[in-house]
C-alpha atoms as a PDB file:
ATOM      1  CA  MET A   1      -4.700   4.310 -23.906  1.00  0.00           C
ATOM      2  CA  LYS A   2      -3.420   7.604 -22.474  1.00  0.00           C
ATOM      3  CA  ASN A   3      -4.089   8.645 -18.861  1.00  0.00           C
ATOM      4  CA  THR A   4      -5.868   5.479 -17.821  1.00  0.00           C
ATOM      5  CA  LEU A   5      -6.124   4.197 -14.254  1.00  0.00           C
ATOM      6  CA  TYR A   6      -6.352   0.419 -13.871  1.00  0.00           C
ATOM      7  CA  TYR A   7      -7.635  -1.267 -10.730  1.00  0.00           C
ATOM      8  CA  GLY A   8      -6.303  -4.713  -9.876  1.00  0.00           C
ATOM      9  CA  ASP A   9      -3.186  -6.783  -9.416  1.00  0.00           C
ATOM     10  CA  ASN A  10      -0.376  -4.724 -10.949  1.00  0.00           C
ATOM     11  CA  LEU A  11       1.412  -7.622 -12.663  1.00  0.00           C
ATOM     12  CA  GLU A  12      -1.799  -8.950 -14.223  1.00  0.00           C
ATOM     13  CA  VAL A  13      -2.871  -5.483 -15.397  1.00  0.00           C
ATOM     14  CA  LEU A  14       0.550  -4.816 -16.936  1.00  0.00           C
ATOM     15  CA  ARG A  15       0.598  -8.134 -18.763  1.00  0.00           C
ATOM     16  CA  LEU A  16      -2.960  -7.885 -20.082  1.00  0.00           C
ATOM     17  CA  HIS A  17      -3.507  -4.201 -20.749  1.00  0.00           C
ATOM     18  CA  VAL A  18      -0.196  -2.347 -21.148  1.00  0.00           C
ATOM     19  CA  GLN A  19       2.235  -2.674 -24.045  1.00  0.00           C
ATOM     20  CA  ASP A  20       5.872  -3.134 -23.016  1.00  0.00           C
ATOM     21  CA  ASP A  21       7.115   0.011 -24.748  1.00  0.00           C
ATOM     22  CA  SER A  22       4.329   2.321 -23.547  1.00  0.00           C
ATOM     23  CA  VAL A  23       5.140   2.764 -19.856  1.00  0.00           C
ATOM     24  CA  ASP A  24       6.838   5.974 -18.716  1.00  0.00           C
ATOM     25  CA  LEU A  25       6.410   5.576 -14.973  1.00  0.00           C
ATOM     26  CA  ILE A  26       5.192   3.009 -12.465  1.00  0.00           C
ATOM     27  CA  TYR A  27       4.884   4.190  -8.871  1.00  0.00           C
ATOM     28  CA  LEU A  28       4.558   1.712  -6.013  1.00  0.00           C
ATOM     29  CA  ASP A  29       4.457   2.528  -2.323  1.00  0.00           C
ATOM     30  CA  PRO A  30       5.031  -0.785  -0.566  1.00  0.00           C
ATOM     31  CA  PRO A  31       4.217  -2.646   1.525  1.00  0.00           C
ATOM     32  CA  PHE A  32       0.962  -3.766  -0.005  1.00  0.00           C
ATOM     33  CA  LYS A  33      -1.263  -6.450   1.469  1.00  0.00           C
ATOM     34  CA  SER A  34       1.188  -7.525   4.124  1.00  0.00           C
ATOM     35  CA  ASP A  35      -1.822  -8.489   6.294  1.00  0.00           C
ATOM     36  CA  GLN A  36      -0.104  -6.734   9.187  1.00  0.00           C
ATOM     37  CA  ASP A  37      -1.146  -4.015  11.592  1.00  0.00           C
ATOM     38  CA  TYR A  38       1.367  -1.176  11.891  1.00  0.00           C
ATOM     39  CA  ASN A  39       1.649   0.784  15.116  1.00  0.00           C
ATOM     40  CA  VAL A  40       3.099   4.119  16.160  1.00  0.00           C
ATOM     41  CA  LEU A  41       5.578   3.394  18.949  1.00  0.00           C
ATOM     42  CA  PHE A  42       6.155   6.061  21.556  1.00  0.00           C
ATOM     43  CA  ALA A  43       9.279   6.863  23.569  1.00  0.00           C
ATOM     44  CA  GLU A  44       9.761   8.308  27.025  1.00  0.00           C
ATOM     45  CA  HIS A  45      11.000  11.892  27.407  1.00  0.00           C
ATOM     46  CA  ASP A  46      14.539  10.594  27.972  1.00  0.00           C
ATOM     47  CA  GLY A  47      14.426   8.612  24.706  1.00  0.00           C
ATOM     48  CA  ALA A  48      13.919   5.215  26.344  1.00  0.00           C
ATOM     49  CA  LYS A  49      11.496   2.829  24.665  1.00  0.00           C
ATOM     50  CA  SER A  50       7.933   2.894  25.920  1.00  0.00           C
ATOM     51  CA  ALA A  51       5.279   0.190  25.911  1.00  0.00           C
ATOM     52  CA  ALA A  52       2.785   2.817  24.685  1.00  0.00           C
ATOM     53  CA  GLN A  53       1.622   2.446  21.100  1.00  0.00           C
ATOM     54  CA  ILE A  54      -1.413   3.073  18.929  1.00  0.00           C
ATOM     55  CA  LEU A  55      -2.612   1.529  15.690  1.00  0.00           C
ATOM     56  CA  ALA A  56      -1.375   3.575  12.730  1.00  0.00           C
ATOM     57  CA  PHE A  57      -2.970   1.548   9.941  1.00  0.00           C
ATOM     58  CA  GLU A  58      -4.018  -1.939   8.911  1.00  0.00           C
ATOM     59  CA  ASP A  59      -2.461  -3.191   5.678  1.00  0.00           C
ATOM     60  CA  THR A  60      -5.250  -5.506   4.653  1.00  0.00           C
ATOM     61  CA  TRP A  61      -7.312  -5.388   1.490  1.00  0.00           C
ATOM     62  CA  GLU A  62     -10.888  -6.350   0.983  1.00  0.00           C
ATOM     63  CA  TRP A  63     -13.329  -5.874  -1.866  1.00  0.00           C
ATOM     64  CA  ASN A  64     -15.761  -3.223  -0.761  1.00  0.00           C
ATOM     65  CA  THR A  65     -18.690  -2.415  -3.012  1.00  0.00           C
ATOM     66  CA  GLY A  66     -19.690   0.730  -1.180  1.00  0.00           C
ATOM     67  CA  GLY A  67     -21.386   1.993   1.914  1.00  0.00           C
END
């Protein structure tokens, strides 16, 4: 099927729904589901490490049905 977006585990979707010779491109942007929080770390004006940091994003996945 041309121009179709599948939602799910990539390996399972590929095995069940995509023929081996039909894929032109697969794009992944890891990490996925590392269950980690990633922070932005700041530095002092002189370049020294700082204890200051903020949450950049949480790499956790949950099924969300809306709202």
